[in-house]
N, C-alpha and C. Protein backbone atom coordinates (compact mmCIF):
# COMPACT_ATOMS: atom_id res chain seq x y z
N MET A 1 0.86 -1.19 0.00
CA MET A 1 0.00 0.00 0.00
C MET A 1 0.89 1.23 0.00
N ASP A 2 0.66 2.16 -0.93
CA ASP A 2 1.48 3.37 -0.96
C ASP A 2 1.07 4.30 0.17
N SER A 3 1.87 5.36 0.42
CA SER A 3 1.62 6.23 1.56
C SER A 3 0.31 7.00 1.43
N GLN A 4 -0.09 7.35 0.20
CA GLN A 4 -1.36 8.05 0.03
C GLN A 4 -2.52 7.14 0.41
N SER A 5 -2.48 5.87 -0.02
CA SER A 5 -3.54 4.93 0.34
C SER A 5 -3.55 4.68 1.84
N ALA A 6 -2.38 4.62 2.45
CA ALA A 6 -2.30 4.42 3.90
C ALA A 6 -2.91 5.61 4.63
N ASN A 7 -2.60 6.82 4.15
CA ASN A 7 -3.18 8.01 4.77
C ASN A 7 -4.69 8.03 4.63
N GLU A 8 -5.19 7.62 3.46
CA GLU A 8 -6.64 7.57 3.26
C GLU A 8 -7.26 6.53 4.17
N ALA A 9 -6.63 5.38 4.32
CA ALA A 9 -7.15 4.34 5.20
C ALA A 9 -7.14 4.82 6.64
N SER A 10 -6.07 5.54 7.03
CA SER A 10 -5.98 6.06 8.39
C SER A 10 -7.09 7.07 8.66
N ARG A 11 -7.38 7.92 7.67
CA ARG A 11 -8.46 8.90 7.82
C ARG A 11 -9.79 8.21 8.02
N ASP A 12 -9.95 7.05 7.40
CA ASP A 12 -11.22 6.34 7.51
C ASP A 12 -11.41 5.70 8.88
N THR A 13 -10.34 5.41 9.58
CA THR A 13 -10.46 4.70 10.86
C THR A 13 -10.19 5.57 12.07
N SER A 14 -9.61 6.74 11.88
CA SER A 14 -9.32 7.62 13.02
C SER A 14 -9.51 9.08 12.61
N VAL A 15 -9.65 9.93 13.62
CA VAL A 15 -9.82 11.35 13.40
C VAL A 15 -9.18 12.08 14.58
N THR A 16 -8.61 13.24 14.33
CA THR A 16 -8.03 14.04 15.40
C THR A 16 -9.01 15.14 15.78
N ILE A 17 -9.39 15.14 17.06
CA ILE A 17 -10.34 16.13 17.56
C ILE A 17 -9.74 16.85 18.76
N MET A 18 -10.28 18.01 19.07
CA MET A 18 -9.88 18.73 20.28
C MET A 18 -10.76 18.21 21.42
N GLU A 19 -10.12 17.77 22.47
CA GLU A 19 -10.83 17.30 23.66
C GLU A 19 -11.07 18.49 24.60
N PHE A 20 -12.18 18.48 25.31
CA PHE A 20 -12.54 19.53 26.26
C PHE A 20 -12.89 18.92 27.60
N SER A 21 -12.56 19.64 28.67
CA SER A 21 -12.91 19.20 30.01
C SER A 21 -14.41 19.43 30.23
N PRO A 22 -14.99 18.85 31.29
CA PRO A 22 -16.40 19.11 31.60
C PRO A 22 -16.66 20.60 31.88
N ALA A 23 -15.61 21.35 32.19
CA ALA A 23 -15.75 22.79 32.43
C ALA A 23 -15.64 23.59 31.13
N GLY A 24 -15.46 22.89 30.00
CA GLY A 24 -15.39 23.57 28.71
C GLY A 24 -14.02 24.07 28.33
N GLU A 25 -13.00 23.66 29.04
CA GLU A 25 -11.63 24.09 28.75
C GLU A 25 -10.97 23.12 27.77
N PRO A 26 -10.25 23.62 26.75
CA PRO A 26 -9.57 22.71 25.83
C PRO A 26 -8.47 21.94 26.55
N ILE A 27 -8.43 20.64 26.31
CA ILE A 27 -7.42 19.78 26.93
C ILE A 27 -6.27 19.55 25.95
N GLY A 28 -6.60 19.40 24.68
CA GLY A 28 -5.59 19.17 23.65
C GLY A 28 -6.13 18.28 22.55
N LEU A 29 -5.36 18.20 21.49
CA LEU A 29 -5.74 17.36 20.36
C LEU A 29 -5.52 15.89 20.70
N ARG A 30 -6.44 15.06 20.23
CA ARG A 30 -6.33 13.62 20.48
C ARG A 30 -6.84 12.88 19.25
N THR A 31 -6.10 11.87 18.84
CA THR A 31 -6.54 11.02 17.74
C THR A 31 -7.38 9.90 18.33
N VAL A 32 -8.59 9.78 17.82
CA VAL A 32 -9.55 8.79 18.33
C VAL A 32 -10.10 7.98 17.17
N ALA A 33 -10.69 6.86 17.50
CA ALA A 33 -11.31 6.02 16.47
C ALA A 33 -12.51 6.74 15.89
N ARG A 34 -12.61 6.72 14.58
CA ARG A 34 -13.80 7.26 13.91
C ARG A 34 -14.92 6.24 14.12
N ILE A 35 -16.07 6.73 14.48
CA ILE A 35 -17.23 5.86 14.69
C ILE A 35 -18.03 5.89 13.40
N THR A 36 -17.96 4.83 12.62
CA THR A 36 -18.65 4.81 11.34
C THR A 36 -20.04 4.20 11.45
N ASP A 37 -20.25 3.36 12.44
CA ASP A 37 -21.56 2.76 12.62
C ASP A 37 -21.67 2.25 14.05
N ASP A 38 -22.83 2.41 14.61
CA ASP A 38 -23.11 1.89 15.94
C ASP A 38 -24.50 1.28 15.89
N PRO A 39 -24.58 -0.03 15.95
CA PRO A 39 -25.89 -0.67 15.83
C PRO A 39 -26.85 -0.28 16.96
N ASP A 40 -26.34 0.32 18.03
CA ASP A 40 -27.19 0.70 19.15
C ASP A 40 -27.73 2.13 19.05
N TRP A 41 -27.33 2.89 18.03
CA TRP A 41 -27.80 4.28 17.93
C TRP A 41 -29.33 4.35 17.98
N LYS A 42 -29.99 3.46 17.28
CA LYS A 42 -31.45 3.52 17.22
C LYS A 42 -32.07 3.34 18.61
N SER A 43 -31.46 2.53 19.45
CA SER A 43 -32.00 2.32 20.80
C SER A 43 -31.48 3.37 21.79
N LYS A 44 -30.32 3.97 21.53
CA LYS A 44 -29.74 4.97 22.43
C LYS A 44 -30.35 6.36 22.24
N LEU A 45 -30.80 6.68 21.03
CA LEU A 45 -31.28 8.02 20.70
C LEU A 45 -32.80 8.06 20.65
N SER A 46 -33.34 9.25 20.86
CA SER A 46 -34.78 9.42 20.67
C SER A 46 -35.07 9.24 19.18
N PRO A 47 -36.32 8.93 18.82
CA PRO A 47 -36.63 8.80 17.40
C PRO A 47 -36.28 10.07 16.60
N GLN A 48 -36.50 11.26 17.19
CA GLN A 48 -36.18 12.51 16.48
C GLN A 48 -34.67 12.66 16.31
N SER A 49 -33.90 12.41 17.38
CA SER A 49 -32.43 12.53 17.28
C SER A 49 -31.87 11.53 16.28
N TYR A 50 -32.40 10.32 16.28
CA TYR A 50 -31.94 9.32 15.32
C TYR A 50 -32.26 9.77 13.88
N SER A 51 -33.47 10.24 13.67
CA SER A 51 -33.88 10.68 12.35
C SER A 51 -33.00 11.82 11.84
N VAL A 52 -32.69 12.78 12.71
CA VAL A 52 -31.86 13.92 12.31
C VAL A 52 -30.41 13.50 12.09
N THR A 53 -29.81 12.85 13.06
CA THR A 53 -28.37 12.59 12.99
C THR A 53 -27.98 11.47 12.04
N ARG A 54 -28.80 10.44 11.95
CA ARG A 54 -28.44 9.28 11.15
C ARG A 54 -29.14 9.25 9.80
N ARG A 55 -30.28 9.96 9.68
CA ARG A 55 -31.06 9.94 8.43
C ARG A 55 -31.16 11.32 7.77
N HIS A 56 -30.43 12.31 8.31
CA HIS A 56 -30.33 13.66 7.73
C HIS A 56 -31.66 14.40 7.67
N ALA A 57 -32.51 14.15 8.65
CA ALA A 57 -33.78 14.89 8.74
C ALA A 57 -33.51 16.26 9.36
N THR A 58 -34.57 17.04 9.55
CA THR A 58 -34.46 18.39 10.12
C THR A 58 -35.49 18.56 11.21
N ASP A 59 -35.07 19.17 12.32
CA ASP A 59 -36.02 19.50 13.38
C ASP A 59 -37.06 20.49 12.87
N PRO A 60 -38.28 20.42 13.38
CA PRO A 60 -39.24 21.48 13.05
C PRO A 60 -38.78 22.78 13.73
N PRO A 61 -38.82 23.91 13.03
CA PRO A 61 -38.35 25.16 13.65
C PRO A 61 -39.20 25.56 14.85
N PHE A 62 -38.54 26.15 15.85
CA PHE A 62 -39.17 26.68 17.06
C PHE A 62 -39.83 25.61 17.93
N LYS A 63 -39.59 24.33 17.70
CA LYS A 63 -40.32 23.27 18.41
C LYS A 63 -39.49 22.47 19.41
N VAL A 64 -38.19 22.33 19.17
CA VAL A 64 -37.38 21.46 20.03
C VAL A 64 -36.87 22.26 21.23
N PRO A 65 -37.21 21.82 22.44
CA PRO A 65 -36.77 22.56 23.64
C PRO A 65 -35.27 22.78 23.66
N GLY A 66 -34.87 24.00 24.04
CA GLY A 66 -33.47 24.36 24.14
C GLY A 66 -32.94 25.14 22.96
N TYR A 67 -33.68 25.19 21.87
CA TYR A 67 -33.16 25.89 20.69
C TYR A 67 -32.87 27.36 20.99
N ASP A 68 -33.63 27.94 21.92
CA ASP A 68 -33.47 29.36 22.24
C ASP A 68 -32.84 29.61 23.61
N SER A 69 -32.23 28.59 24.18
CA SER A 69 -31.62 28.70 25.51
C SER A 69 -30.49 29.74 25.51
N LYS A 70 -30.40 30.45 26.60
CA LYS A 70 -29.32 31.45 26.77
C LYS A 70 -28.35 31.00 27.88
N ASP A 71 -28.48 29.75 28.34
CA ASP A 71 -27.62 29.24 29.40
C ASP A 71 -26.18 29.11 28.91
N SER A 72 -25.25 29.27 29.85
CA SER A 72 -23.82 29.13 29.53
C SER A 72 -23.42 27.67 29.55
N GLY A 73 -22.69 27.28 28.53
CA GLY A 73 -22.22 25.90 28.46
C GLY A 73 -21.74 25.58 27.07
N PHE A 74 -21.65 24.28 26.79
CA PHE A 74 -21.28 23.89 25.44
C PHE A 74 -22.14 22.73 24.98
N TYR A 75 -22.15 22.56 23.68
CA TYR A 75 -23.02 21.59 23.03
C TYR A 75 -22.18 20.46 22.45
N ARG A 76 -22.56 19.23 22.78
CA ARG A 76 -21.86 18.05 22.30
C ARG A 76 -22.73 17.28 21.31
N CYS A 77 -22.09 16.47 20.50
CA CYS A 77 -22.81 15.58 19.59
C CYS A 77 -23.61 14.60 20.42
N ILE A 78 -24.89 14.48 20.14
CA ILE A 78 -25.76 13.57 20.89
C ILE A 78 -25.36 12.11 20.67
N CYS A 79 -24.69 11.81 19.57
CA CYS A 79 -24.31 10.43 19.27
C CYS A 79 -23.03 9.98 19.98
N CYS A 80 -21.97 10.80 19.87
CA CYS A 80 -20.66 10.35 20.38
C CYS A 80 -20.08 11.22 21.49
N GLY A 81 -20.72 12.35 21.79
CA GLY A 81 -20.25 13.20 22.88
C GLY A 81 -19.16 14.18 22.53
N THR A 82 -18.76 14.27 21.27
CA THR A 82 -17.72 15.22 20.88
C THR A 82 -18.22 16.65 21.07
N ALA A 83 -17.41 17.49 21.72
CA ALA A 83 -17.76 18.90 21.94
C ALA A 83 -17.74 19.65 20.62
N LEU A 84 -18.85 20.33 20.28
CA LEU A 84 -18.96 20.96 18.97
C LEU A 84 -19.12 22.47 19.00
N PHE A 85 -19.96 23.01 19.90
CA PHE A 85 -20.26 24.44 19.90
C PHE A 85 -20.33 24.98 21.32
N SER A 86 -20.05 26.28 21.47
CA SER A 86 -20.11 26.96 22.76
C SER A 86 -21.26 27.95 22.77
N SER A 87 -21.86 28.13 23.95
CA SER A 87 -22.91 29.14 24.10
C SER A 87 -22.37 30.54 23.82
N LYS A 88 -21.06 30.73 23.97
CA LYS A 88 -20.45 32.03 23.69
C LYS A 88 -20.58 32.42 22.22
N ASP A 89 -20.69 31.42 21.35
CA ASP A 89 -20.78 31.67 19.91
C ASP A 89 -22.21 31.52 19.39
N LYS A 90 -23.17 31.35 20.29
CA LYS A 90 -24.57 31.17 19.90
C LYS A 90 -25.25 32.53 19.75
N PHE A 91 -26.15 32.63 18.78
CA PHE A 91 -26.91 33.86 18.59
C PHE A 91 -28.32 33.52 18.11
N ASP A 92 -29.23 34.46 18.29
CA ASP A 92 -30.61 34.26 17.86
C ASP A 92 -30.74 34.69 16.40
N SER A 93 -30.85 33.73 15.53
CA SER A 93 -30.96 34.01 14.10
C SER A 93 -32.41 34.23 13.67
N GLY A 94 -33.34 33.95 14.58
CA GLY A 94 -34.75 34.09 14.25
C GLY A 94 -35.28 32.96 13.38
N THR A 95 -34.50 31.91 13.20
CA THR A 95 -34.88 30.82 12.30
C THR A 95 -35.61 29.68 13.01
N GLY A 96 -35.47 29.61 14.34
CA GLY A 96 -36.08 28.51 15.08
C GLY A 96 -35.14 27.35 15.35
N TRP A 97 -33.88 27.51 14.97
CA TRP A 97 -32.84 26.52 15.25
C TRP A 97 -31.70 27.22 15.96
N PRO A 98 -30.95 26.49 16.81
CA PRO A 98 -29.76 27.10 17.40
C PRO A 98 -28.78 27.49 16.30
N SER A 99 -28.23 28.69 16.41
CA SER A 99 -27.27 29.18 15.42
C SER A 99 -26.00 29.63 16.11
N PHE A 100 -24.87 29.33 15.50
CA PHE A 100 -23.56 29.64 16.06
C PHE A 100 -22.69 30.31 15.00
N THR A 101 -21.80 31.20 15.43
CA THR A 101 -20.91 31.87 14.49
C THR A 101 -19.67 31.03 14.16
N ALA A 102 -19.36 30.04 15.02
CA ALA A 102 -18.17 29.21 14.82
C ALA A 102 -18.29 27.94 15.65
N PRO A 103 -17.58 26.90 15.26
CA PRO A 103 -17.52 25.71 16.11
C PRO A 103 -16.59 25.95 17.28
N LEU A 104 -16.71 25.12 18.30
CA LEU A 104 -15.85 25.20 19.47
C LEU A 104 -14.40 24.94 19.07
N ALA A 105 -14.20 23.98 18.18
CA ALA A 105 -12.87 23.66 17.63
C ALA A 105 -13.07 23.21 16.19
N LYS A 106 -12.31 23.78 15.28
CA LYS A 106 -12.50 23.46 13.85
C LYS A 106 -12.30 21.97 13.57
N GLU A 107 -11.48 21.31 14.37
CA GLU A 107 -11.21 19.88 14.17
C GLU A 107 -12.44 19.02 14.45
N ASN A 108 -13.37 19.53 15.24
CA ASN A 108 -14.48 18.70 15.72
C ASN A 108 -15.68 18.67 14.79
N VAL A 109 -15.69 19.54 13.79
CA VAL A 109 -16.78 19.52 12.81
C VAL A 109 -16.22 19.27 11.43
N ALA A 110 -17.05 18.70 10.59
CA ALA A 110 -16.71 18.48 9.19
C ALA A 110 -17.82 19.09 8.36
N THR A 111 -17.50 19.41 7.12
CA THR A 111 -18.51 19.94 6.20
C THR A 111 -18.39 19.21 4.87
N ARG A 112 -19.51 19.20 4.16
CA ARG A 112 -19.50 18.65 2.81
C ARG A 112 -20.66 19.26 2.03
N GLU A 113 -20.53 19.24 0.72
CA GLU A 113 -21.57 19.78 -0.14
C GLU A 113 -22.83 18.92 -0.03
N ASP A 114 -23.97 19.58 0.06
CA ASP A 114 -25.26 18.90 0.15
C ASP A 114 -26.14 19.42 -0.99
N LEU A 115 -26.47 18.55 -1.92
CA LEU A 115 -27.27 18.93 -3.08
C LEU A 115 -28.71 18.39 -2.97
N SER A 116 -29.13 18.00 -1.77
CA SER A 116 -30.47 17.44 -1.60
C SER A 116 -31.54 18.51 -1.77
N TYR A 117 -32.72 18.07 -2.09
CA TYR A 117 -33.90 18.93 -2.24
C TYR A 117 -33.72 20.03 -3.28
N GLY A 118 -32.88 19.79 -4.27
CA GLY A 118 -32.68 20.75 -5.34
C GLY A 118 -31.96 22.02 -4.93
N MET A 119 -31.28 21.98 -3.77
CA MET A 119 -30.54 23.14 -3.27
C MET A 119 -29.06 22.81 -3.20
N ARG A 120 -28.24 23.85 -3.19
CA ARG A 120 -26.81 23.70 -2.98
C ARG A 120 -26.51 24.30 -1.61
N ARG A 121 -26.15 23.42 -0.65
CA ARG A 121 -25.86 23.87 0.71
C ARG A 121 -24.58 23.21 1.20
N VAL A 122 -24.14 23.66 2.37
CA VAL A 122 -22.99 23.05 3.03
C VAL A 122 -23.50 22.36 4.29
N GLU A 123 -23.37 21.05 4.31
CA GLU A 123 -23.82 20.26 5.46
C GLU A 123 -22.75 20.29 6.54
N VAL A 124 -23.19 20.37 7.80
CA VAL A 124 -22.29 20.32 8.96
C VAL A 124 -22.47 18.95 9.62
N LEU A 125 -21.33 18.29 9.90
CA LEU A 125 -21.34 16.96 10.49
C LEU A 125 -20.41 16.91 11.69
N CYS A 126 -20.65 15.99 12.58
CA CYS A 126 -19.68 15.70 13.64
C CYS A 126 -18.49 15.02 12.98
N ALA A 127 -17.28 15.50 13.23
CA ALA A 127 -16.09 14.94 12.60
C ALA A 127 -15.80 13.52 13.06
N ARG A 128 -16.25 13.17 14.27
CA ARG A 128 -15.93 11.84 14.79
C ARG A 128 -16.90 10.76 14.30
N CYS A 129 -18.20 11.08 14.22
CA CYS A 129 -19.15 10.01 13.90
C CYS A 129 -20.02 10.31 12.67
N ASP A 130 -19.74 11.40 11.98
CA ASP A 130 -20.48 11.78 10.78
C ASP A 130 -21.97 12.01 11.03
N ALA A 131 -22.34 12.34 12.26
CA ALA A 131 -23.74 12.66 12.54
C ALA A 131 -24.10 13.97 11.84
N HIS A 132 -25.26 13.99 11.21
CA HIS A 132 -25.75 15.21 10.57
C HIS A 132 -26.14 16.19 11.68
N MET A 133 -25.57 17.40 11.61
CA MET A 133 -25.85 18.44 12.61
C MET A 133 -26.79 19.50 12.05
N GLY A 134 -26.59 19.88 10.80
CA GLY A 134 -27.36 20.95 10.20
C GLY A 134 -26.63 21.47 8.98
N HIS A 135 -26.69 22.80 8.78
CA HIS A 135 -26.07 23.41 7.61
C HIS A 135 -25.35 24.71 7.96
N LEU A 136 -24.43 25.09 7.10
CA LEU A 136 -23.62 26.28 7.26
C LEU A 136 -24.00 27.28 6.18
N PHE A 137 -24.28 28.52 6.61
CA PHE A 137 -24.68 29.57 5.68
C PHE A 137 -23.78 30.80 5.84
N PRO A 138 -23.56 31.57 4.77
CA PRO A 138 -22.68 32.74 4.83
C PRO A 138 -23.43 34.03 5.21
N ASP A 139 -24.45 33.94 6.06
CA ASP A 139 -25.25 35.12 6.40
C ASP A 139 -25.30 35.40 7.90
N GLY A 140 -24.24 35.01 8.61
CA GLY A 140 -24.20 35.22 10.06
C GLY A 140 -23.61 36.58 10.42
N PRO A 141 -23.64 36.88 11.70
CA PRO A 141 -23.11 38.16 12.17
C PRO A 141 -21.58 38.14 12.27
N PRO A 142 -20.98 39.32 12.48
CA PRO A 142 -19.54 39.36 12.75
C PRO A 142 -19.25 38.58 14.04
N PRO A 143 -18.10 38.08 14.26
CA PRO A 143 -16.89 38.36 13.48
C PRO A 143 -16.70 37.43 12.28
N THR A 144 -17.42 36.30 12.21
CA THR A 144 -17.15 35.33 11.14
C THR A 144 -18.02 35.52 9.91
N GLY A 145 -19.21 36.09 10.07
CA GLY A 145 -20.15 36.19 8.96
C GLY A 145 -20.79 34.86 8.62
N LEU A 146 -20.58 33.85 9.49
CA LEU A 146 -21.11 32.52 9.25
C LEU A 146 -22.27 32.22 10.19
N ARG A 147 -23.17 31.35 9.73
CA ARG A 147 -24.27 30.88 10.57
C ARG A 147 -24.31 29.36 10.49
N TYR A 148 -23.86 28.72 11.56
CA TYR A 148 -23.98 27.28 11.69
C TYR A 148 -25.39 27.04 12.22
N CYS A 149 -26.30 26.64 11.36
CA CYS A 149 -27.70 26.42 11.70
C CYS A 149 -27.84 24.94 12.05
N ILE A 150 -28.00 24.65 13.33
CA ILE A 150 -27.85 23.29 13.85
C ILE A 150 -29.17 22.78 14.44
N ASN A 151 -29.45 21.52 14.23
CA ASN A 151 -30.63 20.88 14.80
C ASN A 151 -30.42 20.63 16.29
N MET A 152 -31.33 21.12 17.11
CA MET A 152 -31.20 20.95 18.56
C MET A 152 -31.22 19.47 18.95
N SER A 153 -31.98 18.66 18.25
CA SER A 153 -32.05 17.24 18.63
C SER A 153 -30.77 16.48 18.27
N ALA A 154 -29.81 17.13 17.61
CA ALA A 154 -28.51 16.54 17.32
C ALA A 154 -27.50 16.88 18.41
N LEU A 155 -27.92 17.72 19.36
CA LEU A 155 -27.01 18.23 20.37
C LEU A 155 -27.38 17.78 21.78
N ASP A 156 -26.36 17.70 22.62
CA ASP A 156 -26.51 17.45 24.05
C ASP A 156 -25.87 18.65 24.74
N PHE A 157 -26.65 19.42 25.48
CA PHE A 157 -26.14 20.62 26.14
C PHE A 157 -25.52 20.27 27.48
N LEU A 158 -24.32 20.77 27.72
CA LEU A 158 -23.64 20.58 28.99
C LEU A 158 -23.43 21.95 29.62
N PRO A 159 -24.20 22.28 30.68
CA PRO A 159 -24.06 23.60 31.29
C PRO A 159 -22.73 23.75 32.01
N LEU A 160 -22.23 24.99 32.04
CA LEU A 160 -21.03 25.28 32.80
C LEU A 160 -21.44 25.55 34.23
N SER A 161 -20.54 25.24 35.14
CA SER A 161 -20.82 25.49 36.55
C SER A 161 -19.54 25.94 37.24
N GLY A 162 -19.70 26.44 38.44
CA GLY A 162 -18.55 26.81 39.27
C GLY A 162 -17.67 27.88 38.65
N GLU A 163 -16.35 27.66 38.70
CA GLU A 163 -15.38 28.65 38.25
C GLU A 163 -15.52 28.96 36.76
N SER A 164 -15.83 27.97 35.94
CA SER A 164 -15.96 28.21 34.51
C SER A 164 -17.10 29.18 34.22
N LEU A 165 -18.20 29.06 34.95
CA LEU A 165 -19.33 29.95 34.76
C LEU A 165 -18.95 31.36 35.17
N LYS A 166 -18.21 31.52 36.28
CA LYS A 166 -17.77 32.84 36.73
C LYS A 166 -16.86 33.49 35.68
N LYS A 167 -15.94 32.71 35.09
CA LYS A 167 -15.03 33.22 34.06
C LYS A 167 -15.81 33.69 32.83
N GLU A 168 -16.82 32.92 32.41
CA GLU A 168 -17.56 33.25 31.19
C GLU A 168 -18.35 34.55 31.39
N LYS A 169 -18.85 34.82 32.58
CA LYS A 169 -19.66 35.99 32.82
C LYS A 169 -18.84 37.26 32.90
N LYS A 170 -17.51 37.16 33.13
CA LYS A 170 -16.65 38.35 33.22
C LYS A 170 -16.49 39.04 31.91
């Protein structure tokens, strides 16, 4: 196997992500096994979360609890627990879905072209398990001008507490 094929095979079985502490602090980059399939996802996830993350469905706007939360914390992939977004980067886009200006760590999200439904969009996925998160649009506020429009049922919110919460409020 040549080195390019080896690199491609390695990409298929592992991914490097930024790890975060329960307090939301970056711990460092770590290479972990890519989760390509988990036969238990259907039993571990709610029907809505399974439909969104594994079947590329979309939450109904303004309906999933937490989409408009202003609590401090970070959002993890509901499937594998990878930290994806921070409440610090969340904003009210008026769309009915949680919207973020940037991911918590660029390594933790992946994007790809989505041509479904006769549209040209950029799909946002969890880099570790390829869970469908939502879509990326170029109409967000400064500083990035981006809007990561994410399905709430694809996320698990982890509130900050103690010292981390005090730091974020300063």
